[in-house]
Amino acid sequence: MNRYLDDDFAPVPEELTALDLDITGTLPDHLDGRYLRIGPNPAIDPGESYHWFLGEGMVHGVRLEEGRARWYRNRWVRPRSGDFAPNTNVLSHAGRTMALVEAGSPPYELDEELDTLGRCGFAGDLRAGYTAHPHEDPATGELHAISYSWTRGNRVDYSVLGADGRLRHQAEVEVHGSPMMHDCALTEHYVVLYDLPVTFDVDMALGDVPRPARPAVRFVLNRIIGRNPAPDRIVDLMARGQGAPTQLPYSWNADYPARIGLLPREASSVAGPAPVRWFDIDPCFVFHTLNAFEDPDTGEVVIDVVRHDKMFATRFDGPDEGPASLVRFTLDLTSGKAREHRYDEHAQEFPRCDERRTGRRHRYGYSVGFTGERLGDSILKHDTVAGTTQERRLGAGRGAGEFVFVPNSPDSLTDPEDAGVLMGYVLDRSSGLSDLVVLDAATLEDVATVHLPGRVPAGFHGNWAPT
């Protein structure tokens, strides 16, 4: 049995709707909106070669209002034929609920009750799909994104989606080859890029190509990957008759340099690729950013991320190359050097902060502790000023997914930075059911638990979508 089809990861077989859910504790009255989270949930058995990142997406949502949990719904994202179902992130922007994936596939729009409406309107204006991790500038309400696809050769695409939901700006950025660029970061003046040694693997990609066509496709791909955009006919040939892929064609490339780039916001590529300043770092891989900002006292750029020593080097069904840790990269704009500092030794992932501070100095960050290759029962609170980490254990036999921060006063930044709640899905393995758990972000103590009628499989990202 593929481990990503079993235990915490096992797909759920049906869509559920439940109204007026039971609650332990008291939900704050100001919580008016939906907590949404997405993850892979294959509708049929994809076989032993299944990669966790490739399963059909299912969104799980809870509607909170006036201290009540009005409903829980889980729904598959239903793309049109030829599109890969988004399974990585779900968020609300400009009145739309968007389900996202990366590597060239378009985002999809969902209605308020999580049914699929179709491709997002701006997707047709993008050069190649979108990212799973856009970052919103809290000052403008705009989404800044770096999107990658193997079809783009040695280019990735910078885009700005306006607060009105329309694509306002696009620019091409040149990178070293054809990397997986899962996330980016945002500061007041820069977009931060991670050009790291997980790259498109031609041999892995050929596994889904009809055998008679492999020599020709290999010949062409070896002259395209990391160099030029792929012709449409090659893309069509690789996709013809294959349906959803079963193998993720990216692997660790020890010969690929690791570096972090600073791209000026609003950079243009009219006269060639947009300008980037690069900083070399030790080989590693980054899936997720906690936050980034410019330090006015030193003139340096500070980036907090979860760092993996390697990725997809020995395991090719999901991310399992040893524990990851929270680190700070500091980019010295004067010397052109990067420094790295590790906060602690907790194995962790899914870092989040108060996103009203995206691109600005932050103090606190939150993440989920891991036990081996499975989600653990701990929520971590990092104080980046004091250099301390607080751990809240949720109980043996429980598995926590990503937790997000929701402020007590959405329009006020005068409150303490941790004045708010954390919320996320937690699986009780003994009952086989999940809860939406709400914690006090300052103390990590229980606030309320919403009891769900089913199980939420281990998945990816979620967000609070206020009404």
Protein backbone atom coordinates (compact mmCIF):
# COMPACT_ATOMS: atom_id res chain seq x y z
CA MET A 1 0.00 0.00 0.00
CA ASN A 2 1.28 3.46 -0.91
CA ARG A 3 1.69 5.32 2.41
CA TYR A 4 -0.03 8.40 0.97
CA LEU A 5 -3.20 6.37 0.46
CA ASP A 6 -3.30 4.95 3.99
CA ASP A 7 -3.64 6.03 7.61
CA ASP A 8 -3.89 9.85 8.01
CA PHE A 9 -3.65 10.32 4.23
CA ALA A 10 -6.38 7.86 3.20
CA PRO A 11 -8.93 9.54 0.90
CA VAL A 12 -12.52 9.96 2.02
CA PRO A 13 -15.03 8.39 -0.39
CA GLU A 14 -17.92 10.85 -0.36
CA GLU A 15 -18.99 14.46 -0.12
CA LEU A 16 -20.76 15.42 3.09
CA THR A 17 -22.96 18.27 4.25
CA ALA A 18 -23.73 18.75 7.95
CA LEU A 19 -25.59 21.64 9.59
CA ASP A 20 -25.42 23.16 13.09
CA LEU A 21 -22.35 21.33 14.31
CA ASP A 22 -21.66 20.51 17.96
CA ILE A 23 -19.13 22.75 19.71
CA THR A 24 -17.05 22.30 22.84
CA GLY A 25 -16.08 25.64 24.39
CA THR A 26 -17.20 29.01 23.06
CA LEU A 27 -16.52 30.38 19.60
CA PRO A 28 -15.75 34.14 19.58
CA ASP A 29 -18.71 36.10 18.18
CA HIS A 30 -16.48 38.12 15.84
CA LEU A 31 -15.59 35.00 13.80
CA ASP A 32 -17.87 35.47 10.80
CA GLY A 33 -16.71 33.58 7.74
CA ARG A 34 -15.47 30.24 6.46
CA TYR A 35 -12.40 28.24 7.39
CA LEU A 36 -11.32 26.48 4.19
CA ARG A 37 -8.63 23.90 3.60
CA ILE A 38 -7.70 21.76 0.60
CA GLY A 39 -5.70 18.61 -0.05
CA PRO A 40 -5.35 15.59 -2.34
CA ASN A 41 -8.24 13.12 -2.25
CA PRO A 42 -8.10 10.63 -5.16
CA ALA A 43 -11.56 9.55 -6.25
CA ILE A 44 -10.25 6.17 -7.50
CA ASP A 45 -7.18 4.17 -6.52
CA PRO A 46 -4.24 5.74 -8.44
CA GLY A 47 -1.93 2.77 -7.83
CA GLU A 48 1.34 2.17 -6.02
CA SER A 49 3.28 4.80 -7.98
CA TYR A 50 0.97 7.58 -6.74
CA HIS A 51 2.61 10.84 -5.64
CA TRP A 52 0.82 12.71 -2.87
CA PHE A 53 1.02 16.03 -4.74
CA LEU A 54 -0.99 14.66 -7.68
CA GLY A 55 -4.29 13.53 -6.16
CA GLU A 56 -7.57 15.19 -7.09
CA GLY A 57 -8.28 18.13 -4.80
CA MET A 58 -11.00 18.20 -2.16
CA VAL A 59 -11.94 21.34 -0.19
CA HIS A 60 -13.17 21.09 3.41
CA GLY A 61 -14.98 24.09 4.90
CA VAL A 62 -16.71 25.18 8.11
CA ARG A 63 -18.99 28.23 8.22
CA LEU A 64 -18.77 30.17 11.50
CA GLU A 65 -21.24 32.91 12.47
CA GLU A 66 -22.46 34.44 15.77
CA GLY A 67 -20.73 31.82 17.88
CA ARG A 68 -22.19 28.92 15.89
CA ALA A 69 -20.81 26.48 13.36
CA ARG A 70 -23.51 26.72 10.67
CA TRP A 71 -22.22 24.01 8.35
CA TYR A 72 -19.45 21.69 7.27
CA ARG A 73 -19.00 20.75 3.61
CA ASN A 74 -16.38 18.80 1.69
CA ARG A 75 -16.35 18.98 -2.10
CA TRP A 76 -14.09 17.73 -4.87
CA VAL A 77 -12.77 20.41 -7.20
CA ARG A 78 -14.11 19.44 -10.61
CA PRO A 79 -11.93 20.75 -13.46
CA ARG A 80 -12.79 20.54 -17.09
CA SER A 81 -11.20 17.83 -19.22
CA GLY A 82 -7.45 18.34 -19.68
CA ASP A 83 -6.93 20.47 -16.55
CA PHE A 84 -5.31 19.19 -13.40
CA ALA A 85 -7.57 19.56 -10.36
CA PRO A 86 -6.26 22.19 -7.90
CA ASN A 87 -5.30 20.52 -4.62
CA THR A 88 -2.77 22.78 -2.87
CA ASN A 89 -4.29 26.01 -1.58
CA VAL A 90 -7.70 27.67 -1.30
CA LEU A 91 -8.23 31.34 -0.54
CA SER A 92 -10.62 34.23 -0.95
CA HIS A 93 -9.70 37.27 -3.06
CA ALA A 94 -11.82 40.05 -4.55
CA GLY A 95 -15.02 38.23 -3.63
CA ARG A 96 -13.89 34.97 -5.23
CA THR A 97 -12.97 31.67 -3.64
CA MET A 98 -10.02 30.26 -5.58
CA ALA A 99 -8.62 26.73 -5.51
CA LEU A 100 -4.96 26.73 -6.53
CA VAL A 101 -2.24 24.39 -7.73
CA GLU A 102 1.09 25.06 -9.41
CA ALA A 103 3.35 24.09 -12.31
CA GLY A 104 1.20 25.33 -15.17
CA SER A 105 -2.35 24.40 -14.24
CA PRO A 106 -5.02 27.11 -13.96
CA PRO A 107 -6.81 28.12 -10.74
CA TYR A 108 -10.50 27.32 -10.32
CA GLU A 109 -13.29 29.33 -8.74
CA LEU A 110 -15.68 27.87 -6.16
CA ASP A 111 -18.98 29.21 -4.92
CA GLU A 112 -19.77 30.03 -1.29
CA GLU A 113 -20.76 26.41 -0.63
CA LEU A 114 -17.60 25.05 -2.31
CA ASP A 115 -19.09 23.76 -5.56
CA THR A 116 -16.90 24.27 -8.64
CA LEU A 117 -17.83 27.16 -10.95
CA GLY A 118 -14.99 26.86 -13.48
CA ARG A 119 -11.67 28.45 -14.33
CA CYS A 120 -10.97 31.80 -12.70
CA GLY A 121 -11.49 34.64 -15.15
CA PHE A 122 -7.91 35.93 -14.99
CA ALA A 123 -6.39 32.51 -15.78
CA GLY A 124 -6.66 33.05 -19.51
CA ASP A 125 -4.38 36.10 -19.24
CA LEU A 126 -1.56 34.21 -17.54
CA ARG A 127 1.39 32.95 -19.57
CA ALA A 128 1.40 29.55 -17.86
CA GLY A 129 -0.97 28.72 -15.04
CA TYR A 130 -0.56 30.18 -11.58
CA THR A 131 1.10 29.44 -8.27
CA ALA A 132 -0.19 27.71 -5.14
CA HIS A 133 1.28 30.51 -2.99
CA PRO A 134 0.49 34.08 -3.94
CA HIS A 135 1.12 36.66 -1.22
CA GLU A 136 -1.21 39.56 -0.53
CA ASP A 137 0.21 42.99 0.18
CA PRO A 138 -1.88 44.15 3.15
CA ALA A 139 -1.43 47.79 2.13
CA THR A 140 -2.91 47.38 -1.38
CA GLY A 141 -4.88 44.13 -1.27
CA GLU A 142 -3.01 42.93 -4.37
CA LEU A 143 -1.74 39.37 -4.83
CA HIS A 144 1.90 39.03 -5.90
CA ALA A 145 2.94 35.67 -7.33
CA ILE A 146 5.80 33.76 -8.91
CA SER A 147 4.53 30.96 -11.16
CA TYR A 148 6.63 28.19 -12.68
CA SER A 149 6.12 25.43 -15.24
CA TRP A 150 8.51 23.07 -16.99
CA THR A 151 7.05 24.37 -20.27
CA ARG A 152 8.61 27.79 -19.56
CA GLY A 153 12.22 26.63 -19.86
CA ASN A 154 14.50 28.83 -17.75
CA ARG A 155 11.76 31.38 -17.10
CA VAL A 156 9.29 31.92 -14.30
CA ASP A 157 6.49 34.49 -14.34
CA TYR A 158 5.90 37.33 -11.92
CA SER A 159 2.30 38.55 -11.77
CA VAL A 160 0.24 41.03 -9.76
CA LEU A 161 -3.47 40.39 -9.34
CA GLY A 162 -5.27 43.60 -8.39
CA ALA A 163 -7.65 44.05 -5.47
CA ASP A 164 -10.41 44.01 -8.10
CA GLY A 165 -9.46 40.47 -9.16
CA ARG A 166 -7.96 41.54 -12.52
CA LEU A 167 -4.46 40.73 -13.71
CA ARG A 168 -2.61 44.07 -13.52
CA HIS A 169 1.04 43.24 -14.22
CA GLN A 170 3.19 40.40 -15.61
CA ALA A 171 6.92 40.01 -16.19
CA GLU A 172 9.28 37.18 -17.17
CA VAL A 173 12.14 36.31 -14.82
CA GLU A 174 15.17 34.26 -15.87
CA VAL A 175 16.34 31.50 -13.52
CA HIS A 176 19.21 29.04 -13.75
CA GLY A 177 17.29 26.11 -15.18
CA SER A 178 13.83 24.58 -14.64
CA PRO A 179 13.31 24.52 -10.85
CA MET A 180 10.31 23.70 -8.72
CA MET A 181 9.45 27.07 -7.16
CA HIS A 182 6.64 26.20 -4.76
CA ASP A 183 6.56 29.50 -2.87
CA CYS A 184 7.95 33.02 -2.93
CA ALA A 185 7.98 35.89 -0.41
CA LEU A 186 7.07 39.54 -0.40
CA THR A 187 8.73 42.58 1.18
CA GLU A 188 7.94 46.27 0.85
CA HIS A 189 10.08 46.67 -2.28
CA TYR A 190 10.93 43.13 -3.44
CA VAL A 191 9.55 39.77 -4.42
CA VAL A 192 11.79 36.99 -3.05
CA LEU A 193 12.52 33.99 -5.33
CA TYR A 194 13.92 30.58 -4.38
CA ASP A 195 16.02 29.08 -7.21
CA LEU A 196 16.89 25.75 -5.58
CA PRO A 197 18.11 22.26 -6.56
CA VAL A 198 14.79 20.47 -7.18
CA THR A 199 14.42 20.56 -10.96
CA PHE A 200 12.42 19.03 -13.80
CA ASP A 201 13.55 15.43 -14.43
CA VAL A 202 13.26 14.35 -18.07
CA ASP A 203 13.53 10.62 -17.31
CA MET A 204 10.72 10.80 -14.77
CA ALA A 205 8.55 12.75 -17.19
CA LEU A 206 8.98 10.14 -19.90
CA GLY A 207 7.25 7.57 -17.71
CA ASP A 208 3.88 8.99 -18.82
CA VAL A 209 4.74 9.23 -22.52
CA PRO A 210 3.75 6.44 -24.96
CA ARG A 211 6.81 4.22 -25.48
CA PRO A 212 7.11 4.76 -29.27
CA ALA A 213 7.25 8.53 -28.75
CA ARG A 214 9.88 8.55 -25.98
CA PRO A 215 13.05 8.93 -28.09
CA ALA A 216 11.68 11.94 -29.95
CA VAL A 217 10.32 13.57 -26.82
CA ARG A 218 13.59 12.98 -24.91
CA PHE A 219 15.57 14.55 -27.77
CA VAL A 220 13.41 17.68 -27.77
CA LEU A 221 13.09 18.01 -23.99
CA ASN A 222 16.85 17.85 -23.47
CA ARG A 223 17.10 20.93 -25.70
CA ILE A 224 14.26 22.77 -24.00
CA ILE A 225 14.36 22.17 -20.25
CA GLY A 226 16.12 25.04 -18.56
CA ARG A 227 16.58 26.84 -21.87
CA ASN A 228 13.50 27.76 -23.89
CA PRO A 229 9.71 27.51 -23.64
CA ALA A 230 8.40 24.16 -24.85
CA PRO A 231 6.44 24.14 -28.15
CA ASP A 232 2.73 23.43 -27.78
CA ARG A 233 3.05 20.27 -29.89
CA ILE A 234 5.51 18.76 -27.39
CA VAL A 235 3.28 19.62 -24.46
CA ASP A 236 0.33 18.07 -26.28
CA LEU A 237 2.30 14.93 -27.11
CA MET A 238 3.29 14.38 -23.48
CA ALA A 239 -0.27 14.89 -22.28
CA ARG A 240 -2.05 12.96 -25.06
CA GLY A 241 -4.17 10.19 -23.64
CA GLN A 242 -2.38 10.19 -20.31
CA GLY A 243 -5.02 11.66 -17.98
CA ALA A 244 -3.70 12.74 -14.59
CA PRO A 245 0.03 12.01 -14.08
CA THR A 246 1.03 9.48 -11.43
CA GLN A 247 4.63 10.61 -10.97
CA LEU A 248 5.87 14.09 -10.11
CA PRO A 249 8.68 14.80 -12.64
CA TYR A 250 10.92 16.77 -10.25
CA SER A 251 13.92 15.48 -8.32
CA TRP A 252 16.99 16.62 -6.38
CA ASN A 253 19.73 17.93 -8.67
CA ALA A 254 23.07 18.06 -6.81
CA ASP A 255 24.68 20.02 -9.67
CA TYR A 256 22.15 22.85 -9.54
CA PRO A 257 23.25 25.98 -7.59
CA ALA A 258 21.11 27.16 -4.67
CA ARG A 259 20.32 30.86 -4.47
CA ILE A 260 17.77 33.41 -3.29
CA GLY A 261 16.78 36.30 -5.57
CA LEU A 262 15.41 39.78 -4.98
CA LEU A 263 13.16 40.99 -7.78
CA PRO A 264 12.07 44.63 -7.57
CA ARG A 265 8.30 44.87 -7.37
CA GLU A 266 6.74 46.16 -10.60
CA ALA A 267 9.85 45.00 -12.50
CA SER A 268 9.30 44.86 -16.27
CA SER A 269 10.54 42.36 -18.85
CA VAL A 270 9.76 44.47 -21.93
CA ALA A 271 13.46 44.85 -22.81
CA GLY A 272 14.47 41.35 -21.63
CA PRO A 273 14.09 39.31 -18.44
CA ALA A 274 13.26 41.34 -15.34
CA PRO A 275 16.35 42.17 -13.24
CA VAL A 276 17.06 39.99 -10.19
CA ARG A 277 19.85 40.25 -7.63
CA TRP A 278 20.96 36.76 -6.58
CA PHE A 279 22.49 35.58 -3.27
CA ASP A 280 24.18 32.16 -3.08
CA ILE A 281 23.21 29.85 -0.20
CA ASP A 282 24.05 26.27 0.82
CA PRO A 283 22.05 23.57 -1.03
CA CYS A 284 18.59 23.10 0.45
CA PHE A 285 14.93 23.24 -0.49
CA VAL A 286 12.13 25.55 0.69
CA PHE A 287 8.46 24.74 0.31
CA HIS A 288 7.08 27.50 2.54
CA THR A 289 7.81 31.02 3.74
CA LEU A 290 6.78 32.28 7.16
CA ASN A 291 7.39 35.93 6.23
CA ALA A 292 10.00 38.35 4.89
CA PHE A 293 10.77 42.01 5.49
CA GLU A 294 13.36 44.74 5.02
CA ASP A 295 15.20 45.79 8.18
CA PRO A 296 15.40 49.61 8.14
CA ASP A 297 18.12 49.59 10.80
CA THR A 298 20.58 47.47 8.81
CA GLY A 299 19.29 47.74 5.24
CA GLU A 300 19.19 43.94 5.07
CA VAL A 301 16.40 41.70 3.79
CA VAL A 302 15.24 39.09 6.31
CA ILE A 303 13.46 35.88 5.23
CA ASP A 304 12.05 33.26 7.62
CA VAL A 305 11.36 29.87 6.00
CA VAL A 306 11.14 26.17 6.76
CA ARG A 307 14.32 24.64 5.33
CA HIS A 308 14.75 21.06 4.07
CA ASP A 309 18.29 19.73 3.62
CA LYS A 310 17.16 17.87 0.46
CA MET A 311 13.94 16.98 -1.33
CA PHE A 312 12.99 14.17 -3.74
CA ALA A 313 16.48 12.71 -3.58
CA THR A 314 15.59 9.21 -2.34
CA ARG A 315 11.80 9.27 -1.89
CA PHE A 316 9.56 10.04 -4.85
CA ASP A 317 6.01 9.60 -3.53
CA GLY A 318 6.02 12.65 -1.26
CA PRO A 319 8.19 14.99 0.82
CA ASP A 320 10.24 12.75 3.12
CA GLU A 321 13.97 13.44 3.20
CA GLY A 322 14.35 13.97 6.93
CA PRO A 323 13.18 16.69 9.34
CA ALA A 324 12.87 20.34 8.33
CA SER A 325 13.58 23.32 10.57
CA LEU A 326 12.72 26.99 10.81
CA VAL A 327 15.61 29.18 9.66
CA ARG A 328 16.25 32.85 8.97
CA PHE A 329 18.14 33.94 5.85
CA THR A 330 19.56 37.47 6.06
CA LEU A 331 20.60 39.05 2.75
CA ASP A 332 23.23 41.77 3.08
CA LEU A 333 22.65 44.17 0.19
CA THR A 334 26.06 45.80 0.68
CA SER A 335 28.26 42.70 0.66
CA GLY A 336 26.02 40.54 -1.53
CA LYS A 337 26.28 37.71 1.03
CA ALA A 338 23.60 35.62 2.72
CA ARG A 339 23.67 34.46 6.34
CA GLU A 340 21.64 31.58 7.76
CA HIS A 341 20.40 31.13 11.33
CA ARG A 342 18.44 28.13 12.65
CA TYR A 343 15.87 28.94 15.33
CA ASP A 344 15.46 25.52 16.95
CA GLU A 345 15.57 21.77 16.33
CA HIS A 346 11.84 21.03 16.13
CA ALA A 347 10.85 19.09 13.02
CA GLN A 348 8.09 21.21 11.47
CA GLU A 349 6.29 22.55 8.42
CA PHE A 350 3.37 24.80 7.38
CA PRO A 351 4.66 28.10 8.86
CA ARG A 352 2.17 30.98 9.17
CA CYS A 353 2.03 34.44 10.74
CA ASP A 354 -0.40 37.33 11.11
CA GLU A 355 -0.73 38.05 7.40
CA ARG A 356 -1.54 41.69 8.03
CA ARG A 357 2.23 41.83 8.54
CA THR A 358 3.15 40.19 5.24
CA GLY A 359 6.25 41.96 3.94
CA ARG A 360 6.65 43.88 7.21
CA ARG A 361 8.57 43.06 10.39
CA HIS A 362 6.92 40.31 12.42
CA ARG A 363 7.59 38.87 15.84
CA TYR A 364 5.55 35.67 16.02
CA GLY A 365 5.22 32.70 13.72
CA TYR A 366 3.29 29.45 14.03
CA SER A 367 3.93 25.99 12.59
CA VAL A 368 2.99 22.32 12.97
CA GLY A 369 5.32 19.82 14.59
CA PHE A 370 6.09 16.56 12.78
CA THR A 371 6.79 13.10 14.16
CA GLY A 372 8.79 11.18 11.57
CA GLU A 373 6.93 11.31 8.26
CA ARG A 374 3.50 11.99 9.75
CA LEU A 375 1.84 15.07 11.19
CA GLY A 376 2.39 15.34 14.92
CA ASP A 377 0.08 16.58 17.66
CA SER A 378 1.95 19.80 18.40
CA ILE A 379 1.49 23.45 17.47
CA LEU A 380 4.63 25.60 17.71
CA LYS A 381 4.73 29.33 18.45
CA HIS A 382 8.02 31.03 17.58
CA ASP A 383 9.05 34.34 19.12
CA THR A 384 11.65 35.61 16.64
CA VAL A 385 12.65 38.50 18.91
CA ALA A 386 13.21 36.50 22.10
CA GLY A 387 14.46 33.49 20.15
CA THR A 388 12.12 31.09 21.96
CA THR A 389 9.64 28.43 20.88
CA GLN A 390 6.50 27.43 22.78
CA GLU A 391 4.98 24.00 22.10
CA ARG A 392 1.36 23.01 22.62
CA ARG A 393 0.65 19.28 22.49
CA LEU A 394 -2.91 18.49 21.43
CA GLY A 395 -2.93 14.93 22.76
CA ALA A 396 -1.61 11.48 21.88
CA GLY A 397 -3.23 9.93 18.83
CA ARG A 398 -4.06 13.27 17.26
CA GLY A 399 -2.69 14.71 14.02
CA ALA A 400 -2.69 18.46 13.37
CA GLY A 401 -2.85 20.08 9.96
CA GLU A 402 -1.83 23.64 9.13
CA PHE A 403 -3.11 26.27 11.59
CA VAL A 404 -3.87 29.84 10.47
CA PHE A 405 -3.92 33.07 12.46
CA VAL A 406 -7.13 35.13 12.64
CA PRO A 407 -6.86 38.50 14.45
CA ASN A 408 -9.35 39.55 17.10
CA SER A 409 -9.65 43.01 15.52
CA PRO A 410 -9.11 42.64 11.76
CA ASP A 411 -8.68 46.39 11.14
CA SER A 412 -6.38 47.19 14.06
CA LEU A 413 -2.60 46.77 14.25
CA THR A 414 -2.36 48.51 17.64
CA ASP A 415 -3.25 45.31 19.52
CA PRO A 416 -0.48 42.90 20.53
CA GLU A 417 0.72 40.92 17.51
CA ASP A 418 -0.59 37.65 18.94
CA ALA A 419 -4.05 39.02 19.80
CA GLY A 420 -6.11 36.52 17.89
CA VAL A 421 -6.86 32.85 17.46
CA LEU A 422 -5.31 29.95 15.58
CA MET A 423 -7.54 27.48 13.78
CA GLY A 424 -6.99 24.24 11.92
CA TYR A 425 -8.23 20.70 11.43
CA VAL A 426 -7.09 17.99 13.85
CA LEU A 427 -7.66 14.26 13.32
CA ASP A 428 -8.52 12.02 16.26
CA ARG A 429 -7.12 8.67 15.11
CA SER A 430 -9.04 6.68 17.73
CA SER A 431 -12.46 7.88 16.51
CA GLY A 432 -11.52 8.41 12.87
CA LEU A 433 -13.16 11.86 13.01
CA SER A 434 -11.72 15.36 12.70
CA ASP A 435 -12.34 18.60 14.57
CA LEU A 436 -11.85 22.26 13.76
CA VAL A 437 -9.74 23.35 16.74
CA VAL A 438 -9.53 27.01 17.78
CA LEU A 439 -6.66 28.08 20.08
CA ASP A 440 -5.75 31.37 21.73
CA ALA A 441 -2.75 32.61 19.71
CA ALA A 442 -1.18 34.28 22.76
CA THR A 443 -1.34 31.31 25.14
CA LEU A 444 -2.03 28.32 22.82
CA GLU A 445 -4.84 27.33 25.20
CA ASP A 446 -8.15 25.91 23.97
CA VAL A 447 -10.87 28.33 22.89
CA ALA A 448 -13.33 26.03 21.12
CA THR A 449 -13.58 22.77 19.19
CA VAL A 450 -16.06 22.23 16.35
CA HIS A 451 -16.83 18.54 15.93
CA LEU A 452 -17.02 17.38 12.30
CA PRO A 453 -19.11 14.47 10.97
CA GLY A 454 -16.20 12.91 9.09
CA ARG A 455 -12.46 12.75 8.64
CA VAL A 456 -10.32 15.40 6.98
CA PRO A 457 -7.31 13.61 5.44
CA ALA A 458 -3.83 15.02 5.91
CA GLY A 459 -3.56 17.73 3.29
CA PHE A 460 -2.06 21.06 2.42
CA HIS A 461 -3.15 24.64 2.94
CA GLY A 462 -6.08 26.55 4.34
CA ASN A 463 -7.20 30.10 4.97
CA TRP A 464 -9.81 32.07 6.85
CA ALA A 465 -12.27 33.68 4.42
CA PRO A 466 -14.14 36.41 6.33
CA THR A 467 -17.66 37.24 5.23
